[in-house]
Amino acid sequence: MYAATNDALAVAASIAGAVIPDKVEGAPPKESKAYWKWRKSHRTLSHFPPLYIFLLAIVQGVKIYFQNPVAEIFCNIASYVLIGALLHIAEDGICGKVPIFSTKKKHGLKLFKVGSWQEYFWAFMIIAACVAFSFREILNAEINLNSLTESVRSFNIIELGEKIKNIFAGLNF
């Protein structure tokens, strides 16, 4: 969020929103039978993106309708909270399945398990890329996204590694 906005309040609000989908469902029970019942209803309505998109549209409508500084601040914070929830759902869609078009059917990539080292590795890599992007002007780094994208297309991992190494070498830490 910081890479997109450079706004600490937006970051704080989106962090608060990122926990909403799981907090609504509550913690998983310890007892086996209760756990599997909870698990069956996990990631249903609380992880339904159209709900958050609808709420986001309402918040933006309120912001446009009232057009005053207090409403704008409230609506901006509410928007970032909802965006944080949507980002949480997107991450869950990478780690498992979430309802996208209907609360009855879930879709997702399930690239890795929640809480696994792979999840933490990719989260770290995304954060590192966002930090580099956010501070590129301060650090006088020039990131050639076209050549990086071309490397990804050709799947030449050695060349891609060299380009990433050169980008970080240019950051002048």
N, C-alpha and C. Protein backbone atom coordinates (compact mmCIF):
# COMPACT_ATOMS: atom_id res chain seq x y z
N MET A 1 0.83 -1.19 0.00
CA MET A 1 0.00 0.00 0.00
C MET A 1 0.88 1.25 0.00
N TYR A 2 1.99 1.18 0.74
CA TYR A 2 2.87 2.35 0.77
C TYR A 2 3.47 2.63 -0.59
N ALA A 3 3.83 1.57 -1.32
CA ALA A 3 4.40 1.76 -2.66
C ALA A 3 3.41 2.46 -3.58
N ALA A 4 2.12 2.23 -3.37
CA ALA A 4 1.09 2.83 -4.22
C ALA A 4 0.70 4.23 -3.78
N THR A 5 0.79 4.52 -2.46
CA THR A 5 0.24 5.78 -1.96
C THR A 5 1.23 6.71 -1.28
N ASN A 6 2.35 6.17 -0.76
CA ASN A 6 3.27 6.95 0.09
C ASN A 6 2.55 7.58 1.27
N ASP A 7 1.57 6.90 1.80
CA ASP A 7 0.73 7.43 2.86
C ASP A 7 0.66 6.43 4.01
N ALA A 8 1.21 6.81 5.16
CA ALA A 8 1.24 5.91 6.32
C ALA A 8 -0.17 5.60 6.83
N LEU A 9 -1.09 6.56 6.75
CA LEU A 9 -2.46 6.32 7.18
C LEU A 9 -3.13 5.28 6.29
N ALA A 10 -2.87 5.33 5.00
CA ALA A 10 -3.41 4.33 4.08
C ALA A 10 -2.87 2.94 4.42
N VAL A 11 -1.60 2.88 4.77
CA VAL A 11 -0.99 1.60 5.16
C VAL A 11 -1.65 1.06 6.42
N ALA A 12 -1.79 1.92 7.43
CA ALA A 12 -2.41 1.48 8.70
C ALA A 12 -3.84 1.01 8.48
N ALA A 13 -4.59 1.76 7.69
CA ALA A 13 -5.99 1.38 7.43
C ALA A 13 -6.08 0.08 6.65
N SER A 14 -5.19 -0.11 5.67
CA SER A 14 -5.23 -1.35 4.89
C SER A 14 -4.79 -2.55 5.71
N ILE A 15 -3.86 -2.34 6.64
CA ILE A 15 -3.46 -3.43 7.55
C ILE A 15 -4.66 -3.82 8.41
N ALA A 16 -5.36 -2.83 8.92
CA ALA A 16 -6.57 -3.12 9.72
C ALA A 16 -7.60 -3.87 8.89
N GLY A 17 -7.76 -3.48 7.65
CA GLY A 17 -8.73 -4.14 6.77
C GLY A 17 -8.32 -5.54 6.37
N ALA A 18 -7.01 -5.79 6.32
CA ALA A 18 -6.51 -7.09 5.90
C ALA A 18 -6.88 -8.22 6.86
N VAL A 19 -7.18 -7.88 8.10
CA VAL A 19 -7.55 -8.93 9.06
C VAL A 19 -9.05 -9.17 9.12
N ILE A 20 -9.83 -8.29 8.52
CA ILE A 20 -11.29 -8.39 8.61
C ILE A 20 -11.84 -9.72 8.10
N PRO A 21 -11.48 -10.19 6.90
CA PRO A 21 -12.09 -11.43 6.42
C PRO A 21 -11.93 -12.62 7.38
N ASP A 22 -10.77 -12.75 8.02
CA ASP A 22 -10.57 -13.86 8.94
C ASP A 22 -11.17 -13.58 10.32
N LYS A 23 -11.15 -12.34 10.77
CA LYS A 23 -11.71 -12.00 12.09
C LYS A 23 -13.22 -12.19 12.11
N VAL A 24 -13.88 -11.93 10.99
CA VAL A 24 -15.33 -12.10 10.91
C VAL A 24 -15.70 -13.56 11.18
N GLU A 25 -14.87 -14.48 10.68
CA GLU A 25 -15.14 -15.91 10.85
C GLU A 25 -14.75 -16.42 12.23
N GLY A 26 -13.89 -15.71 12.91
CA GLY A 26 -13.42 -16.16 14.21
C GLY A 26 -12.28 -17.16 14.07
N ALA A 27 -11.66 -17.46 15.20
CA ALA A 27 -10.53 -18.39 15.21
C ALA A 27 -11.03 -19.81 15.02
N PRO A 28 -10.23 -20.65 14.38
CA PRO A 28 -10.63 -22.05 14.20
C PRO A 28 -10.67 -22.76 15.55
N PRO A 29 -11.71 -23.55 15.80
CA PRO A 29 -11.81 -24.28 17.06
C PRO A 29 -10.71 -25.34 17.18
N LYS A 30 -10.34 -25.67 18.40
CA LYS A 30 -9.30 -26.67 18.65
C LYS A 30 -9.84 -28.09 18.49
N GLU A 31 -11.10 -28.28 18.85
CA GLU A 31 -11.71 -29.61 18.79
C GLU A 31 -11.85 -30.05 17.33
N SER A 32 -11.50 -31.29 17.03
CA SER A 32 -11.45 -31.81 15.67
C SER A 32 -12.79 -31.69 14.93
N LYS A 33 -13.88 -32.15 15.56
CA LYS A 33 -15.19 -32.12 14.89
C LYS A 33 -15.63 -30.68 14.61
N ALA A 34 -15.45 -29.81 15.58
CA ALA A 34 -15.82 -28.40 15.42
C ALA A 34 -14.92 -27.72 14.40
N TYR A 35 -13.65 -28.11 14.36
CA TYR A 35 -12.72 -27.52 13.40
C TYR A 35 -13.17 -27.80 11.98
N TRP A 36 -13.53 -29.03 11.67
CA TRP A 36 -13.92 -29.38 10.30
C TRP A 36 -15.24 -28.73 9.90
N LYS A 37 -16.10 -28.52 10.88
CA LYS A 37 -17.35 -27.79 10.59
C LYS A 37 -17.01 -26.33 10.26
N TRP A 38 -16.11 -25.74 11.05
CA TRP A 38 -15.67 -24.36 10.81
C TRP A 38 -14.97 -24.27 9.45
N ARG A 39 -14.11 -25.23 9.19
CA ARG A 39 -13.32 -25.24 7.96
C ARG A 39 -14.21 -25.28 6.72
N LYS A 40 -15.33 -25.98 6.79
CA LYS A 40 -16.26 -26.08 5.66
C LYS A 40 -16.84 -24.71 5.29
N SER A 41 -17.07 -23.88 6.29
CA SER A 41 -17.64 -22.55 6.01
C SER A 41 -16.57 -21.46 5.93
N HIS A 42 -15.30 -21.84 6.10
CA HIS A 42 -14.19 -20.88 6.01
C HIS A 42 -14.08 -20.36 4.57
N ARG A 43 -13.78 -19.09 4.44
CA ARG A 43 -13.64 -18.42 3.14
C ARG A 43 -14.93 -18.52 2.31
N THR A 44 -16.01 -18.11 2.91
CA THR A 44 -17.26 -18.03 2.15
C THR A 44 -17.64 -16.55 2.05
N LEU A 45 -18.70 -16.12 2.69
CA LEU A 45 -19.17 -14.73 2.55
C LEU A 45 -18.12 -13.71 3.02
N SER A 46 -17.36 -14.05 4.06
CA SER A 46 -16.35 -13.10 4.56
C SER A 46 -15.21 -12.89 3.56
N HIS A 47 -15.06 -13.79 2.61
CA HIS A 47 -13.99 -13.70 1.61
C HIS A 47 -14.57 -13.50 0.19
N PHE A 48 -15.74 -12.92 0.11
CA PHE A 48 -16.42 -12.73 -1.17
C PHE A 48 -16.11 -11.34 -1.71
N PRO A 49 -15.20 -11.22 -2.70
CA PRO A 49 -14.76 -9.90 -3.19
C PRO A 49 -15.89 -8.96 -3.63
N PRO A 50 -16.94 -9.45 -4.32
CA PRO A 50 -17.99 -8.50 -4.72
C PRO A 50 -18.63 -7.74 -3.55
N LEU A 51 -18.66 -8.36 -2.38
CA LEU A 51 -19.20 -7.68 -1.19
C LEU A 51 -18.34 -6.46 -0.86
N TYR A 52 -17.02 -6.62 -0.85
CA TYR A 52 -16.12 -5.52 -0.52
C TYR A 52 -16.09 -4.48 -1.63
N ILE A 53 -16.20 -4.93 -2.87
CA ILE A 53 -16.25 -3.99 -3.99
C ILE A 53 -17.52 -3.15 -3.93
N PHE A 54 -18.64 -3.79 -3.58
CA PHE A 54 -19.91 -3.07 -3.42
C PHE A 54 -19.79 -2.03 -2.30
N LEU A 55 -19.23 -2.43 -1.16
CA LEU A 55 -19.05 -1.49 -0.05
C LEU A 55 -18.11 -0.35 -0.44
N LEU A 56 -17.08 -0.67 -1.20
CA LEU A 56 -16.14 0.35 -1.68
C LEU A 56 -16.85 1.36 -2.59
N ALA A 57 -17.73 0.86 -3.44
CA ALA A 57 -18.51 1.75 -4.32
C ALA A 57 -19.42 2.66 -3.50
N ILE A 58 -20.04 2.12 -2.46
CA ILE A 58 -20.90 2.94 -1.59
C ILE A 58 -20.07 4.02 -0.91
N VAL A 59 -18.91 3.64 -0.36
CA VAL A 59 -18.05 4.61 0.32
C VAL A 59 -17.64 5.73 -0.64
N GLN A 60 -17.28 5.37 -1.86
CA GLN A 60 -16.88 6.38 -2.84
C GLN A 60 -18.07 7.26 -3.24
N GLY A 61 -19.24 6.66 -3.31
CA GLY A 61 -20.45 7.44 -3.58
C GLY A 61 -20.74 8.44 -2.49
N VAL A 62 -20.57 8.02 -1.24
CA VAL A 62 -20.74 8.94 -0.10
C VAL A 62 -19.73 10.08 -0.18
N LYS A 63 -18.49 9.74 -0.52
CA LYS A 63 -17.45 10.76 -0.64
C LYS A 63 -17.80 11.80 -1.70
N ILE A 64 -18.30 11.32 -2.84
CA ILE A 64 -18.68 12.23 -3.92
C ILE A 64 -19.91 13.05 -3.54
N TYR A 65 -20.88 12.42 -2.90
CA TYR A 65 -22.14 13.08 -2.57
C TYR A 65 -21.95 14.18 -1.54
N PHE A 66 -21.19 13.91 -0.46
CA PHE A 66 -21.07 14.89 0.62
C PHE A 66 -20.00 15.94 0.36
N GLN A 67 -18.95 15.63 -0.32
CA GLN A 67 -17.89 16.56 -0.69
C GLN A 67 -17.53 17.56 0.41
N ASN A 68 -17.13 17.03 1.56
CA ASN A 68 -16.58 17.90 2.59
C ASN A 68 -15.35 17.21 3.19
N PRO A 69 -14.47 17.97 3.80
CA PRO A 69 -13.20 17.40 4.27
C PRO A 69 -13.35 16.25 5.27
N VAL A 70 -14.31 16.33 6.16
CA VAL A 70 -14.51 15.27 7.16
C VAL A 70 -14.98 13.99 6.47
N ALA A 71 -15.94 14.12 5.58
CA ALA A 71 -16.42 12.94 4.84
C ALA A 71 -15.30 12.36 3.98
N GLU A 72 -14.49 13.21 3.40
CA GLU A 72 -13.40 12.73 2.56
C GLU A 72 -12.39 11.90 3.38
N ILE A 73 -12.03 12.39 4.55
CA ILE A 73 -11.09 11.65 5.41
C ILE A 73 -11.70 10.31 5.82
N PHE A 74 -12.94 10.33 6.29
CA PHE A 74 -13.62 9.11 6.70
C PHE A 74 -13.70 8.11 5.54
N CYS A 75 -14.10 8.60 4.40
CA CYS A 75 -14.26 7.73 3.23
C CYS A 75 -12.93 7.19 2.72
N ASN A 76 -11.88 8.01 2.78
CA ASN A 76 -10.56 7.52 2.38
C ASN A 76 -10.08 6.40 3.30
N ILE A 77 -10.26 6.59 4.61
CA ILE A 77 -9.86 5.55 5.56
C ILE A 77 -10.68 4.28 5.33
N ALA A 78 -12.00 4.43 5.16
CA ALA A 78 -12.86 3.27 4.91
C ALA A 78 -12.47 2.58 3.61
N SER A 79 -12.11 3.35 2.60
CA SER A 79 -11.69 2.77 1.32
C SER A 79 -10.42 1.93 1.49
N TYR A 80 -9.45 2.47 2.22
CA TYR A 80 -8.21 1.72 2.44
C TYR A 80 -8.44 0.46 3.27
N VAL A 81 -9.36 0.52 4.22
CA VAL A 81 -9.72 -0.67 4.99
C VAL A 81 -10.28 -1.74 4.05
N LEU A 82 -11.18 -1.35 3.17
CA LEU A 82 -11.79 -2.30 2.23
C LEU A 82 -10.77 -2.83 1.22
N ILE A 83 -9.86 -1.98 0.78
CA ILE A 83 -8.80 -2.43 -0.13
C ILE A 83 -7.89 -3.43 0.58
N GLY A 84 -7.60 -3.19 1.86
CA GLY A 84 -6.81 -4.14 2.64
C GLY A 84 -7.49 -5.50 2.69
N ALA A 85 -8.82 -5.51 2.88
CA ALA A 85 -9.56 -6.78 2.88
C ALA A 85 -9.48 -7.45 1.52
N LEU A 86 -9.60 -6.67 0.46
CA LEU A 86 -9.50 -7.24 -0.90
C LEU A 86 -8.10 -7.82 -1.17
N LEU A 87 -7.07 -7.16 -0.68
CA LEU A 87 -5.71 -7.68 -0.85
C LEU A 87 -5.53 -8.98 -0.07
N HIS A 88 -6.14 -9.07 1.11
CA HIS A 88 -6.12 -10.31 1.90
C HIS A 88 -6.77 -11.44 1.10
N ILE A 89 -7.90 -11.16 0.52
CA ILE A 89 -8.63 -12.17 -0.26
C ILE A 89 -7.81 -12.59 -1.48
N ALA A 90 -7.15 -11.64 -2.12
CA ALA A 90 -6.31 -11.96 -3.28
C ALA A 90 -5.17 -12.90 -2.86
N GLU A 91 -4.56 -12.62 -1.71
CA GLU A 91 -3.49 -13.49 -1.22
C GLU A 91 -4.03 -14.88 -0.88
N ASP A 92 -5.21 -14.93 -0.28
CA ASP A 92 -5.84 -16.23 0.00
C ASP A 92 -6.13 -16.99 -1.28
N GLY A 93 -6.42 -16.28 -2.35
CA GLY A 93 -6.67 -16.92 -3.65
C GLY A 93 -5.42 -17.53 -4.24
N ILE A 94 -4.26 -17.07 -3.80
CA ILE A 94 -2.99 -17.64 -4.24
C ILE A 94 -2.65 -18.86 -3.38
N CYS A 95 -3.07 -18.82 -2.12
CA CYS A 95 -2.76 -19.91 -1.18
C CYS A 95 -3.87 -20.97 -1.12
N GLY A 96 -4.98 -20.73 -1.72
CA GLY A 96 -6.10 -21.67 -1.64
C GLY A 96 -7.21 -21.21 -2.56
N LYS A 97 -8.42 -21.44 -2.12
CA LYS A 97 -9.56 -21.07 -2.95
C LYS A 97 -10.46 -20.10 -2.20
N VAL A 98 -11.02 -19.15 -2.95
CA VAL A 98 -11.95 -18.16 -2.42
C VAL A 98 -13.15 -18.05 -3.36
N PRO A 99 -14.29 -17.61 -2.82
CA PRO A 99 -15.45 -17.42 -3.70
C PRO A 99 -15.28 -16.14 -4.52
N ILE A 100 -15.36 -16.24 -5.82
CA ILE A 100 -15.17 -15.06 -6.66
C ILE A 100 -16.51 -14.60 -7.26
N PHE A 101 -17.22 -15.52 -7.89
CA PHE A 101 -18.47 -15.18 -8.57
C PHE A 101 -19.69 -15.56 -7.75
N SER A 102 -19.52 -16.50 -6.84
CA SER A 102 -20.62 -17.01 -6.02
C SER A 102 -20.04 -17.53 -4.71
N THR A 103 -20.80 -17.41 -3.63
CA THR A 103 -20.32 -17.94 -2.36
C THR A 103 -20.37 -19.46 -2.32
N LYS A 104 -20.97 -20.07 -3.31
CA LYS A 104 -21.11 -21.54 -3.36
C LYS A 104 -19.88 -22.22 -3.98
N LYS A 105 -19.19 -21.56 -4.91
CA LYS A 105 -18.05 -22.18 -5.60
C LYS A 105 -16.82 -21.30 -5.40
N LYS A 106 -15.71 -21.96 -5.06
CA LYS A 106 -14.46 -21.25 -4.80
C LYS A 106 -13.46 -21.50 -5.93
N HIS A 107 -12.63 -20.49 -6.17
CA HIS A 107 -11.59 -20.56 -7.20
C HIS A 107 -10.28 -20.09 -6.59
N GLY A 108 -9.19 -20.59 -7.10
CA GLY A 108 -7.89 -20.14 -6.63
C GLY A 108 -6.77 -20.92 -7.26
N LEU A 109 -5.55 -20.47 -6.99
CA LEU A 109 -4.38 -21.08 -7.57
C LEU A 109 -3.75 -22.14 -6.66
N LYS A 110 -3.82 -21.93 -5.37
CA LYS A 110 -3.22 -22.83 -4.38
C LYS A 110 -1.76 -23.13 -4.71
N LEU A 111 -0.97 -22.08 -4.87
CA LEU A 111 0.44 -22.23 -5.19
C LEU A 111 1.26 -22.73 -4.01
N PHE A 112 0.82 -22.37 -2.79
CA PHE A 112 1.50 -22.83 -1.59
C PHE A 112 0.53 -22.72 -0.42
N LYS A 113 0.92 -23.32 0.69
CA LYS A 113 0.06 -23.38 1.87
C LYS A 113 0.24 -22.14 2.74
N VAL A 114 -0.84 -21.68 3.35
CA VAL A 114 -0.78 -20.54 4.27
C VAL A 114 0.15 -20.91 5.43
N GLY A 115 1.07 -20.01 5.74
CA GLY A 115 2.01 -20.24 6.84
C GLY A 115 3.25 -21.02 6.45
N SER A 116 3.39 -21.41 5.19
CA SER A 116 4.56 -22.17 4.74
C SER A 116 5.73 -21.23 4.48
N TRP A 117 6.93 -21.80 4.36
CA TRP A 117 8.10 -20.99 4.07
C TRP A 117 7.97 -20.34 2.70
N GLN A 118 7.27 -21.02 1.76
CA GLN A 118 7.09 -20.46 0.43
C GLN A 118 6.25 -19.18 0.49
N GLU A 119 5.22 -19.19 1.32
CA GLU A 119 4.39 -17.99 1.46
C GLU A 119 5.23 -16.84 2.00
N TYR A 120 6.03 -17.10 3.03
CA TYR A 120 6.85 -16.05 3.62
C TYR A 120 7.93 -15.57 2.65
N PHE A 121 8.50 -16.49 1.88
CA PHE A 121 9.51 -16.12 0.89
C PHE A 121 8.92 -15.17 -0.14
N TRP A 122 7.77 -15.53 -0.72
CA TRP A 122 7.17 -14.67 -1.76
C TRP A 122 6.66 -13.37 -1.17
N ALA A 123 6.17 -13.40 0.05
CA ALA A 123 5.75 -12.15 0.70
C ALA A 123 6.96 -11.23 0.87
N PHE A 124 8.09 -11.80 1.30
CA PHE A 124 9.31 -11.01 1.43
C PHE A 124 9.76 -10.43 0.09
N MET A 125 9.70 -11.25 -0.96
CA MET A 125 10.11 -10.78 -2.28
C MET A 125 9.22 -9.64 -2.78
N ILE A 126 7.92 -9.76 -2.56
CA ILE A 126 6.98 -8.70 -2.97
C ILE A 126 7.25 -7.43 -2.17
N ILE A 127 7.47 -7.57 -0.87
CA ILE A 127 7.76 -6.41 -0.03
C ILE A 127 9.07 -5.75 -0.47
N ALA A 128 10.09 -6.56 -0.75
CA ALA A 128 11.38 -6.01 -1.20
C ALA A 128 11.20 -5.25 -2.52
N ALA A 129 10.43 -5.80 -3.43
CA ALA A 129 10.19 -5.11 -4.70
C ALA A 129 9.44 -3.80 -4.47
N CYS A 130 8.45 -3.81 -3.59
CA CYS A 130 7.69 -2.59 -3.29
C CYS A 130 8.57 -1.54 -2.62
N VAL A 131 9.45 -1.97 -1.71
CA VAL A 131 10.37 -1.03 -1.06
C VAL A 131 11.31 -0.43 -2.11
N ALA A 132 11.86 -1.27 -2.97
CA ALA A 132 12.74 -0.76 -4.02
C ALA A 132 11.99 0.21 -4.93
N PHE A 133 10.76 -0.13 -5.28
CA PHE A 133 9.95 0.75 -6.13
C PHE A 133 9.66 2.07 -5.42
N SER A 134 9.30 2.01 -4.13
CA SER A 134 8.94 3.21 -3.37
C SER A 134 10.10 4.17 -3.21
N PHE A 135 11.29 3.62 -3.03
CA PHE A 135 12.45 4.45 -2.75
C PHE A 135 13.39 4.61 -3.94
N ARG A 136 12.93 4.27 -5.14
CA ARG A 136 13.81 4.30 -6.30
C ARG A 136 14.33 5.70 -6.59
N GLU A 137 13.52 6.73 -6.39
CA GLU A 137 13.98 8.10 -6.65
C GLU A 137 14.96 8.55 -5.59
N ILE A 138 14.69 8.17 -4.36
CA ILE A 138 15.59 8.56 -3.26
C ILE A 138 16.95 7.89 -3.44
N LEU A 139 16.94 6.66 -3.87
CA LEU A 139 18.17 5.89 -4.01
C LEU A 139 18.80 6.03 -5.39
N ASN A 140 18.23 6.86 -6.24
CA ASN A 140 18.72 7.07 -7.60
C ASN A 140 18.82 5.76 -8.38
N ALA A 141 17.84 4.90 -8.22
CA ALA A 141 17.85 3.63 -8.94
C ALA A 141 17.02 3.77 -10.19
N GLU A 142 17.51 3.21 -11.25
CA GLU A 142 16.75 3.17 -12.49
C GLU A 142 16.39 1.72 -12.74
N ILE A 143 15.10 1.42 -12.73
CA ILE A 143 14.64 0.07 -12.95
C ILE A 143 14.10 -0.02 -14.37
N ASN A 144 14.72 -0.84 -15.17
CA ASN A 144 14.29 -1.03 -16.54
C ASN A 144 13.27 -2.16 -16.57
N LEU A 145 12.00 -1.81 -16.39
CA LEU A 145 10.95 -2.82 -16.31
C LEU A 145 10.75 -3.56 -17.63
N ASN A 146 11.02 -2.91 -18.75
CA ASN A 146 10.86 -3.59 -20.03
C ASN A 146 11.82 -4.76 -20.16
N SER A 147 13.09 -4.56 -19.83
CA SER A 147 14.05 -5.66 -19.95
C SER A 147 13.76 -6.73 -18.90
N LEU A 148 13.31 -6.33 -17.72
CA LEU A 148 12.96 -7.31 -16.69
C LEU A 148 11.76 -8.14 -17.14
N THR A 149 10.77 -7.49 -17.73
CA THR A 149 9.60 -8.20 -18.24
C THR A 149 9.99 -9.15 -19.36
N GLU A 150 10.88 -8.73 -20.23
CA GLU A 150 11.34 -9.58 -21.33
C GLU A 150 12.04 -10.82 -20.79
N SER A 151 12.82 -10.66 -19.73
CA SER A 151 13.49 -11.81 -19.11
C SER A 151 12.49 -12.79 -18.54
N VAL A 152 11.44 -12.26 -17.93
CA VAL A 152 10.42 -13.14 -17.35
C VAL A 152 9.71 -13.91 -18.47
N ARG A 153 9.45 -13.26 -19.58
CA ARG A 153 8.79 -13.94 -20.70
C ARG A 153 9.63 -15.08 -21.24
N SER A 154 10.93 -14.91 -21.29
CA SER A 154 11.79 -15.95 -21.86
C SER A 154 12.16 -17.02 -20.83
N PHE A 155 11.81 -16.83 -19.58
CA PHE A 155 12.07 -17.77 -18.50
C PHE A 155 13.55 -18.13 -18.37
N ASN A 156 14.42 -17.21 -18.69
CA ASN A 156 15.85 -17.42 -18.52
C ASN A 156 16.21 -16.97 -17.11
N ILE A 157 16.20 -17.90 -16.18
CA ILE A 157 16.36 -17.58 -14.77
C ILE A 157 17.73 -16.99 -14.46
N ILE A 158 18.77 -17.42 -15.17
CA ILE A 158 20.11 -16.89 -14.93
C ILE A 158 20.18 -15.43 -15.35
N GLU A 159 19.64 -15.12 -16.53
CA GLU A 159 19.64 -13.75 -17.02
C GLU A 159 18.78 -12.87 -16.12
N LEU A 160 17.64 -13.39 -15.69
CA LEU A 160 16.76 -12.64 -14.79
C LEU A 160 17.47 -12.34 -13.48
N GLY A 161 18.18 -13.36 -12.95
CA GLY A 161 18.93 -13.16 -11.71
C GLY A 161 19.98 -12.07 -11.86
N GLU A 162 20.66 -12.05 -12.99
CA GLU A 162 21.68 -11.03 -13.25
C GLU A 162 21.05 -9.64 -13.31
N LYS A 163 19.90 -9.53 -13.97
CA LYS A 163 19.23 -8.22 -14.07
C LYS A 163 18.78 -7.74 -12.69
N ILE A 164 18.23 -8.64 -11.88
CA ILE A 164 17.81 -8.26 -10.52
C ILE A 164 19.02 -7.86 -9.70
N LYS A 165 20.12 -8.61 -9.83
CA LYS A 165 21.35 -8.27 -9.12
C LYS A 165 21.83 -6.89 -9.52
N ASN A 166 21.77 -6.57 -10.82
CA ASN A 166 22.20 -5.24 -11.30
C ASN A 166 21.29 -4.14 -10.78
N ILE A 167 19.99 -4.42 -10.67
CA ILE A 167 19.06 -3.42 -10.13
C ILE A 167 19.43 -3.11 -8.70
N PHE A 168 19.63 -4.15 -7.88
CA PHE A 168 19.95 -3.93 -6.47
C PHE A 168 21.35 -3.35 -6.31
N ALA A 169 22.26 -3.65 -7.23
CA ALA A 169 23.60 -3.05 -7.18
C ALA A 169 23.53 -1.55 -7.41
N GLY A 170 22.55 -1.12 -8.20
CA GLY A 170 22.37 0.30 -8.49
C GLY A 170 21.69 1.08 -7.39
N LEU A 171 21.25 0.40 -6.34
CA LEU A 171 20.52 1.09 -5.26
C LEU A 171 21.45 1.86 -4.32
N ASN A 172 22.74 1.59 -4.37
CA ASN A 172 23.74 2.34 -3.58
C ASN A 172 23.45 2.34 -2.09
N PHE A 173 23.31 1.16 -1.52
CA PHE A 173 23.07 1.08 -0.07
C PHE A 173 24.31 1.46 0.69
